[in-house]
Amino acid sequence: MKHLDLDETNIDLTVIINEIAANQSEIVITRQGLPVARIIPYTISDAPTKNYPLRGMPIKIAADFDEPMPELWDALGK
């Protein structure tokens, strides 16, 4: 983990991103010795797939999916 102090260096964001991509390590940005931000590498496991638990699972549709439901017609009085 590398520390960069905002007061001591003129930080170029492109240089930081290139270093993170090359080393796959995090960088902590400090101001007057106190940490203010942490930049970490992005990984595929960080992708927002956690909100879709059924993604990738097979879909099974019953053979009588589009048939009228007798209970529904009885409930509607038709």
PDB file of N, CA and C in Angstrom:
ATOM      1  N   MET A   1       0.859  -1.171   0.000  1.00  0.00           N
ATOM      2  CA  MET A   1       0.000   0.000   0.000  1.00  0.00           C
ATOM      3  C   MET A   1       0.903   1.231   0.000  1.00  0.00           C
ATOM      4  N   LYS A   2       0.570   2.171  -0.883  1.00  0.00           N
ATOM      5  CA  LYS A   2       1.354   3.382  -1.021  1.00  0.00           C
ATOM      6  C   LYS A   2       0.576   4.552  -0.447  1.00  0.00           C
ATOM      7  N   HIS A   3       1.287   5.485   0.177  1.00  0.00           N
ATOM      8  CA  HIS A   3       0.672   6.698   0.714  1.00  0.00           C
ATOM      9  C   HIS A   3       1.151   7.893  -0.098  1.00  0.00           C
ATOM     10  N   LEU A   4       0.227   8.747  -0.498  1.00  0.00           N
ATOM     11  CA  LEU A   4       0.559   9.991  -1.192  1.00  0.00           C
ATOM     12  C   LEU A   4      -0.004  11.150  -0.393  1.00  0.00           C
ATOM     13  N   ASP A   5       0.830  12.125  -0.074  1.00  0.00           N
ATOM     14  CA  ASP A   5       0.390  13.290   0.678  1.00  0.00           C
ATOM     15  C   ASP A   5       0.040  14.408  -0.295  1.00  0.00           C
ATOM     16  N   LEU A   6      -1.155  14.956  -0.190  1.00  0.00           N
ATOM     17  CA  LEU A   6      -1.601  16.022  -1.080  1.00  0.00           C
ATOM     18  C   LEU A   6      -0.756  17.282  -0.950  1.00  0.00           C
ATOM     19  N   ASP A   7      -0.257  17.550   0.243  1.00  0.00           N
ATOM     20  CA  ASP A   7       0.515  18.769   0.473  1.00  0.00           C
ATOM     21  C   ASP A   7       1.937  18.674  -0.089  1.00  0.00           C
ATOM     22  N   GLU A   8       2.476  17.473  -0.220  1.00  0.00           N
ATOM     23  CA  GLU A   8       3.860  17.322  -0.640  1.00  0.00           C
ATOM     24  C   GLU A   8       4.037  17.108  -2.130  1.00  0.00           C
ATOM     25  N   THR A   9       3.032  16.539  -2.805  1.00  0.00           N
ATOM     26  CA  THR A   9       3.195  16.201  -4.209  1.00  0.00           C
ATOM     27  C   THR A   9       2.084  16.800  -5.052  1.00  0.00           C
ATOM     28  N   ASN A  10       2.407  17.025  -6.303  1.00  0.00           N
ATOM     29  CA  ASN A  10       1.399  17.430  -7.278  1.00  0.00           C
ATOM     30  C   ASN A  10       0.931  16.145  -7.949  1.00  0.00           C
ATOM     31  N   ILE A  11      -0.222  15.628  -7.558  1.00  0.00           N
ATOM     32  CA  ILE A  11      -0.681  14.311  -7.966  1.00  0.00           C
ATOM     33  C   ILE A  11      -1.461  14.406  -9.272  1.00  0.00           C
ATOM     34  N   ASP A  12      -1.074  13.588 -10.233  1.00  0.00           N
ATOM     35  CA  ASP A  12      -1.782  13.471 -11.496  1.00  0.00           C
ATOM     36  C   ASP A  12      -2.634  12.196 -11.427  1.00  0.00           C
ATOM     37  N   LEU A  13      -3.924  12.324 -11.654  1.00  0.00           N
ATOM     38  CA  LEU A  13      -4.836  11.191 -11.521  1.00  0.00           C
ATOM     39  C   LEU A  13      -4.492  10.071 -12.495  1.00  0.00           C
ATOM     40  N   THR A  14      -4.049  10.420 -13.676  1.00  0.00           N
ATOM     41  CA  THR A  14      -3.697   9.399 -14.665  1.00  0.00           C
ATOM     42  C   THR A  14      -2.548   8.533 -14.175  1.00  0.00           C
ATOM     43  N   VAL A  15      -1.578   9.140 -13.547  1.00  0.00           N
ATOM     44  CA  VAL A  15      -0.438   8.384 -13.018  1.00  0.00           C
ATOM     45  C   VAL A  15      -0.897   7.435 -11.918  1.00  0.00           C
ATOM     46  N   ILE A  16      -1.785   7.905 -11.065  1.00  0.00           N
ATOM     47  CA  ILE A  16      -2.301   7.061  -9.983  1.00  0.00           C
ATOM     48  C   ILE A  16      -3.072   5.876 -10.553  1.00  0.00           C
ATOM     49  N   ILE A  17      -3.954   6.123 -11.506  1.00  0.00           N
ATOM     50  CA  ILE A  17      -4.753   5.047 -12.098  1.00  0.00           C
ATOM     51  C   ILE A  17      -3.855   4.038 -12.799  1.00  0.00           C
ATOM     52  N   ASN A  18      -2.857   4.504 -13.522  1.00  0.00           N
ATOM     53  CA  ASN A  18      -1.927   3.592 -14.200  1.00  0.00           C
ATOM     54  C   ASN A  18      -1.165   2.732 -13.203  1.00  0.00           C
ATOM     55  N   GLU A  19      -0.759   3.312 -12.081  1.00  0.00           N
ATOM     56  CA  GLU A  19      -0.038   2.537 -11.071  1.00  0.00           C
ATOM     57  C   GLU A  19      -0.936   1.491 -10.421  1.00  0.00           C
ATOM     58  N   ILE A  20      -2.180   1.851 -10.129  1.00  0.00           N
ATOM     59  CA  ILE A  20      -3.120   0.893  -9.536  1.00  0.00           C
ATOM     60  C   ILE A  20      -3.398  -0.248 -10.510  1.00  0.00           C
ATOM     61  N   ALA A  21      -3.583   0.071 -11.782  1.00  0.00           N
ATOM     62  CA  ALA A  21      -3.855  -0.959 -12.781  1.00  0.00           C
ATOM     63  C   ALA A  21      -2.661  -1.889 -12.960  1.00  0.00           C
ATOM     64  N   ALA A  22      -1.468  -1.345 -12.901  1.00  0.00           N
ATOM     65  CA  ALA A  22      -0.267  -2.168 -13.112  1.00  0.00           C
ATOM     66  C   ALA A  22       0.047  -3.038 -11.910  1.00  0.00           C
ATOM     67  N   ASN A  23      -0.083  -2.496 -10.705  1.00  0.00           N
ATOM     68  CA  ASN A  23       0.326  -3.220  -9.489  1.00  0.00           C
ATOM     69  C   ASN A  23      -0.814  -3.919  -8.769  1.00  0.00           C
ATOM     70  N   GLN A  24      -2.058  -3.558  -9.095  1.00  0.00           N
ATOM     71  CA  GLN A  24      -3.234  -4.088  -8.393  1.00  0.00           C
ATOM     72  C   GLN A  24      -3.101  -3.892  -6.879  1.00  0.00           C
ATOM     73  N   SER A  25      -2.636  -2.705  -6.493  1.00  0.00           N
ATOM     74  CA  SER A  25      -2.504  -2.390  -5.073  1.00  0.00           C
ATOM     75  C   SER A  25      -3.255  -1.094  -4.791  1.00  0.00           C
ATOM     76  N   GLU A  26      -3.576  -0.879  -3.534  1.00  0.00           N
ATOM     77  CA  GLU A  26      -4.324   0.313  -3.183  1.00  0.00           C
ATOM     78  C   GLU A  26      -3.387   1.462  -2.853  1.00  0.00           C
ATOM     79  N   ILE A  27      -3.924   2.673  -2.961  1.00  0.00           N
ATOM     80  CA  ILE A  27      -3.173   3.887  -2.641  1.00  0.00           C
ATOM     81  C   ILE A  27      -4.014   4.688  -1.660  1.00  0.00           C
ATOM     82  N   VAL A  28      -3.371   5.163  -0.595  1.00  0.00           N
ATOM     83  CA  VAL A  28      -4.048   5.993   0.396  1.00  0.00           C
ATOM     84  C   VAL A  28      -3.584   7.429   0.190  1.00  0.00           C
ATOM     85  N   ILE A  29      -4.547   8.334   0.026  1.00  0.00           N
ATOM     86  CA  ILE A  29      -4.260   9.756  -0.131  1.00  0.00           C
ATOM     87  C   ILE A  29      -4.367  10.389   1.249  1.00  0.00           C
ATOM     88  N   THR A  30      -3.337  11.137   1.628  1.00  0.00           N
ATOM     89  CA  THR A  30      -3.328  11.774   2.946  1.00  0.00           C
ATOM     90  C   THR A  30      -3.219  13.286   2.795  1.00  0.00           C
ATOM     91  N   ARG A  31      -3.675  13.978   3.814  1.00  0.00           N
ATOM     92  CA  ARG A  31      -3.514  15.429   3.890  1.00  0.00           C
ATOM     93  C   ARG A  31      -3.001  15.739   5.297  1.00  0.00           C
ATOM     94  N   GLN A  32      -1.835  16.330   5.374  1.00  0.00           N
ATOM     95  CA  GLN A  32      -1.172  16.642   6.642  1.00  0.00           C
ATOM     96  C   GLN A  32      -1.013  15.389   7.499  1.00  0.00           C
ATOM     97  N   GLY A  33      -0.717  14.279   6.834  1.00  0.00           N
ATOM     98  CA  GLY A  33      -0.461  13.030   7.533  1.00  0.00           C
ATOM     99  C   GLY A  33      -1.690  12.215   7.894  1.00  0.00           C
ATOM    100  N   LEU A  34      -2.874  12.749   7.665  1.00  0.00           N
ATOM    101  CA  LEU A  34      -4.103  12.038   8.000  1.00  0.00           C
ATOM    102  C   LEU A  34      -4.735  11.473   6.725  1.00  0.00           C
ATOM    103  N   PRO A  35      -5.161  10.207   6.744  1.00  0.00           N
ATOM    104  CA  PRO A  35      -5.780   9.626   5.542  1.00  0.00           C
ATOM    105  C   PRO A  35      -7.121  10.284   5.238  1.00  0.00           C
ATOM    106  N   VAL A  36      -7.320  10.639   3.959  1.00  0.00           N
ATOM    107  CA  VAL A  36      -8.579  11.255   3.547  1.00  0.00           C
ATOM    108  C   VAL A  36      -9.289  10.441   2.473  1.00  0.00           C
ATOM    109  N   ALA A  37      -8.551   9.583   1.757  1.00  0.00           N
ATOM    110  CA  ALA A  37      -9.173   8.773   0.702  1.00  0.00           C
ATOM    111  C   ALA A  37      -8.335   7.534   0.460  1.00  0.00           C
ATOM    112  N   ARG A  38      -9.000   6.506  -0.034  1.00  0.00           N
ATOM    113  CA  ARG A  38      -8.319   5.263  -0.399  1.00  0.00           C
ATOM    114  C   ARG A  38      -8.800   4.869  -1.781  1.00  0.00           C
ATOM    115  N   ILE A  39      -7.875   4.598  -2.672  1.00  0.00           N
ATOM    116  CA  ILE A  39      -8.214   4.181  -4.030  1.00  0.00           C
ATOM    117  C   ILE A  39      -7.789   2.726  -4.168  1.00  0.00           C
ATOM    118  N   ILE A  40      -8.749   1.867  -4.512  1.00  0.00           N
ATOM    119  CA  ILE A  40      -8.467   0.437  -4.625  1.00  0.00           C
ATOM    120  C   ILE A  40      -8.743  -0.028  -6.046  1.00  0.00           C
ATOM    121  N   PRO A  41      -8.090  -1.101  -6.486  1.00  0.00           N
ATOM    122  CA  PRO A  41      -8.351  -1.602  -7.836  1.00  0.00           C
ATOM    123  C   PRO A  41      -9.737  -2.227  -7.933  1.00  0.00           C
ATOM    124  N   TYR A  42     -10.350  -2.090  -9.098  1.00  0.00           N
ATOM    125  CA  TYR A  42     -11.668  -2.660  -9.368  1.00  0.00           C
ATOM    126  C   TYR A  42     -11.482  -4.102  -9.803  1.00  0.00           C
ATOM    127  N   THR A  43     -12.295  -4.991  -9.249  1.00  0.00           N
ATOM    128  CA  THR A  43     -12.255  -6.391  -9.650  1.00  0.00           C
ATOM    129  C   THR A  43     -13.621  -6.798 -10.186  1.00  0.00           C
ATOM    130  N   ILE A  44     -13.651  -7.856 -10.958  1.00  0.00           N
ATOM    131  CA  ILE A  44     -14.905  -8.326 -11.552  1.00  0.00           C
ATOM    132  C   ILE A  44     -15.907  -8.705 -10.468  1.00  0.00           C
ATOM    133  N   SER A  45     -15.435  -9.215  -9.340  1.00  0.00           N
ATOM    134  CA  SER A  45     -16.356  -9.600  -8.270  1.00  0.00           C
ATOM    135  C   SER A  45     -17.052  -8.389  -7.660  1.00  0.00           C
ATOM    136  N   ASP A  46     -16.548  -7.174  -7.931  1.00  0.00           N
ATOM    137  CA  ASP A  46     -17.198  -5.961  -7.450  1.00  0.00           C
ATOM    138  C   ASP A  46     -18.388  -5.562  -8.306  1.00  0.00           C
ATOM    139  N   ALA A  47     -18.570  -6.228  -9.433  1.00  0.00           N
ATOM    140  CA  ALA A  47     -19.651  -5.881 -10.346  1.00  0.00           C
ATOM    141  C   ALA A  47     -21.001  -6.053  -9.650  1.00  0.00           C
ATOM    142  N   PRO A  48     -21.968  -5.213  -9.982  1.00  0.00           N
ATOM    143  CA  PRO A  48     -23.257  -5.247  -9.286  1.00  0.00           C
ATOM    144  C   PRO A  48     -24.160  -6.405  -9.707  1.00  0.00           C
ATOM    145  N   THR A  49     -23.734  -7.623  -9.497  1.00  0.00           N
ATOM    146  CA  THR A  49     -24.560  -8.783  -9.821  1.00  0.00           C
ATOM    147  C   THR A  49     -25.248  -9.331  -8.577  1.00  0.00           C
ATOM    148  N   LYS A  50     -24.966  -8.769  -7.425  1.00  0.00           N
ATOM    149  CA  LYS A  50     -25.525  -9.276  -6.175  1.00  0.00           C
ATOM    150  C   LYS A  50     -27.020  -9.001  -6.065  1.00  0.00           C
ATOM    151  N   ASN A  51     -27.523  -8.028  -6.812  1.00  0.00           N
ATOM    152  CA  ASN A  51     -28.944  -7.691  -6.734  1.00  0.00           C
ATOM    153  C   ASN A  51     -29.799  -8.574  -7.626  1.00  0.00           C
ATOM    154  N   TYR A  52     -29.186  -9.475  -8.368  1.00  0.00           N
ATOM    155  CA  TYR A  52     -29.917 -10.327  -9.290  1.00  0.00           C
ATOM    156  C   TYR A  52     -29.631 -11.802  -8.968  1.00  0.00           C
ATOM    157  N   PRO A  53     -30.226 -12.333  -7.915  1.00  0.00           N
ATOM    158  CA  PRO A  53     -29.883 -13.697  -7.504  1.00  0.00           C
ATOM    159  C   PRO A  53     -30.309 -14.775  -8.498  1.00  0.00           C
ATOM    160  N   LEU A  54     -31.257 -14.485  -9.386  1.00  0.00           N
ATOM    161  CA  LEU A  54     -31.727 -15.493 -10.339  1.00  0.00           C
ATOM    162  C   LEU A  54     -31.025 -15.395 -11.686  1.00  0.00           C
ATOM    163  N   ARG A  55     -30.100 -14.438 -11.826  1.00  0.00           N
ATOM    164  CA  ARG A  55     -29.402 -14.277 -13.094  1.00  0.00           C
ATOM    165  C   ARG A  55     -28.620 -15.538 -13.433  1.00  0.00           C
ATOM    166  N   GLY A  56     -28.795 -16.016 -14.654  1.00  0.00           N
ATOM    167  CA  GLY A  56     -28.073 -17.190 -15.112  1.00  0.00           C
ATOM    168  C   GLY A  56     -28.784 -18.500 -14.837  1.00  0.00           C
ATOM    169  N   MET A  57     -29.865 -18.454 -14.074  1.00  0.00           N
ATOM    170  CA  MET A  57     -30.598 -19.688 -13.782  1.00  0.00           C
ATOM    171  C   MET A  57     -31.579 -19.979 -14.916  1.00  0.00           C
ATOM    172  N   PRO A  58     -31.848 -21.249 -15.209  1.00  0.00           N
ATOM    173  CA  PRO A  58     -32.783 -21.575 -16.294  1.00  0.00           C
ATOM    174  C   PRO A  58     -34.211 -21.200 -15.903  1.00  0.00           C
ATOM    175  N   ILE A  59     -34.976 -20.838 -16.919  1.00  0.00           N
ATOM    176  CA  ILE A  59     -36.379 -20.490 -16.715  1.00  0.00           C
ATOM    177  C   ILE A  59     -37.231 -21.661 -17.189  1.00  0.00           C
ATOM    178  N   LYS A  60     -38.167 -22.095 -16.349  1.00  0.00           N
ATOM    179  CA  LYS A  60     -39.072 -23.187 -16.701  1.00  0.00           C
ATOM    180  C   LYS A  60     -40.489 -22.648 -16.708  1.00  0.00           C
ATOM    181  N   ILE A  61     -41.160 -22.791 -17.847  1.00  0.00           N
ATOM    182  CA  ILE A  61     -42.540 -22.339 -17.990  1.00  0.00           C
ATOM    183  C   ILE A  61     -43.422 -23.569 -18.134  1.00  0.00           C
ATOM    184  N   ALA A  62     -44.465 -23.640 -17.331  1.00  0.00           N
ATOM    185  CA  ALA A  62     -45.378 -24.784 -17.359  1.00  0.00           C
ATOM    186  C   ALA A  62     -46.092 -24.854 -18.704  1.00  0.00           C
ATOM    187  N   ALA A  63     -46.456 -26.053 -19.095  1.00  0.00           N
ATOM    188  CA  ALA A  63     -47.130 -26.262 -20.378  1.00  0.00           C
ATOM    189  C   ALA A  63     -48.490 -25.558 -20.416  1.00  0.00           C
ATOM    190  N   ASP A  64     -49.158 -25.433 -19.262  1.00  0.00           N
ATOM    191  CA  ASP A  64     -50.474 -24.799 -19.226  1.00  0.00           C
ATOM    192  C   ASP A  64     -50.388 -23.340 -18.751  1.00  0.00           C
ATOM    193  N   PHE A  65     -49.284 -22.700 -19.020  1.00  0.00           N
ATOM    194  CA  PHE A  65     -49.051 -21.323 -18.563  1.00  0.00           C
ATOM    195  C   PHE A  65     -50.144 -20.368 -19.035  1.00  0.00           C
ATOM    196  N   ASP A  66     -50.548 -20.467 -20.293  1.00  0.00           N
ATOM    197  CA  ASP A  66     -51.512 -19.522 -20.838  1.00  0.00           C
ATOM    198  C   ASP A  66     -52.953 -20.035 -20.829  1.00  0.00           C
ATOM    199  N   GLU A  67     -53.208 -21.124 -20.146  1.00  0.00           N
ATOM    200  CA  GLU A  67     -54.571 -21.646 -20.023  1.00  0.00           C
ATOM    201  C   GLU A  67     -55.324 -20.841 -18.959  1.00  0.00           C
ATOM    202  N   PRO A  68     -56.616 -20.638 -19.150  1.00  0.00           N
ATOM    203  CA  PRO A  68     -57.390 -19.923 -18.126  1.00  0.00           C
ATOM    204  C   PRO A  68     -57.452 -20.720 -16.827  1.00  0.00           C
ATOM    205  N   MET A  69     -57.446 -20.003 -15.725  1.00  0.00           N
ATOM    206  CA  MET A  69     -57.517 -20.645 -14.411  1.00  0.00           C
ATOM    207  C   MET A  69     -58.984 -20.744 -13.986  1.00  0.00           C
ATOM    208  N   PRO A  70     -59.512 -21.955 -13.795  1.00  0.00           N
ATOM    209  CA  PRO A  70     -60.927 -22.082 -13.416  1.00  0.00           C
ATOM    210  C   PRO A  70     -61.229 -21.380 -12.099  1.00  0.00           C
ATOM    211  N   GLU A  71     -60.302 -21.396 -11.153  1.00  0.00           N
ATOM    212  CA  GLU A  71     -60.547 -20.732  -9.868  1.00  0.00           C
ATOM    213  C   GLU A  71     -60.714 -19.227 -10.057  1.00  0.00           C
ATOM    214  N   LEU A  72     -59.969 -18.662 -10.985  1.00  0.00           N
ATOM    215  CA  LEU A  72     -60.066 -17.233 -11.244  1.00  0.00           C
ATOM    216  C   LEU A  72     -61.436 -16.897 -11.813  1.00  0.00           C
ATOM    217  N   TRP A  73     -61.899 -17.680 -12.777  1.00  0.00           N
ATOM    218  CA  TRP A  73     -63.205 -17.414 -13.385  1.00  0.00           C
ATOM    219  C   TRP A  73     -64.314 -17.603 -12.337  1.00  0.00           C
ATOM    220  N   ASP A  74     -64.161 -18.587 -11.458  1.00  0.00           N
ATOM    221  CA  ASP A  74     -65.163 -18.771 -10.392  1.00  0.00           C
ATOM    222  C   ASP A  74     -65.174 -17.570  -9.449  1.00  0.00           C
ATOM    223  N   ALA A  75     -63.986 -17.063  -9.142  1.00  0.00           N
ATOM    224  CA  ALA A  75     -63.883 -15.925  -8.236  1.00  0.00           C
ATOM    225  C   ALA A  75     -64.463 -14.671  -8.879  1.00  0.00           C
ATOM    226  N   LEU A  76     -64.305 -14.544 -10.187  1.00  0.00           N
ATOM    227  CA  LEU A  76     -64.848 -13.371 -10.883  1.00  0.00           C
ATOM    228  C   LEU A  76     -66.331 -13.493 -11.181  1.00  0.00           C
ATOM    229  N   GLY A  77     -66.874 -14.722 -11.009  1.00  0.00           N
ATOM    230  CA  GLY A  77     -68.295 -14.940 -11.242  1.00  0.00           C
ATOM    231  C   GLY A  77     -68.626 -15.072 -12.718  1.00  0.00           C
ATOM    232  N   LYS A  78     -67.696 -15.511 -13.520  1.00  0.00           N
ATOM    233  CA  LYS A  78     -67.961 -15.655 -14.952  1.00  0.00           C
ATOM    234  C   LYS A  78     -67.944 -17.099 -15.335  1.00  0.00           C
TER     235      LYS A  78
END
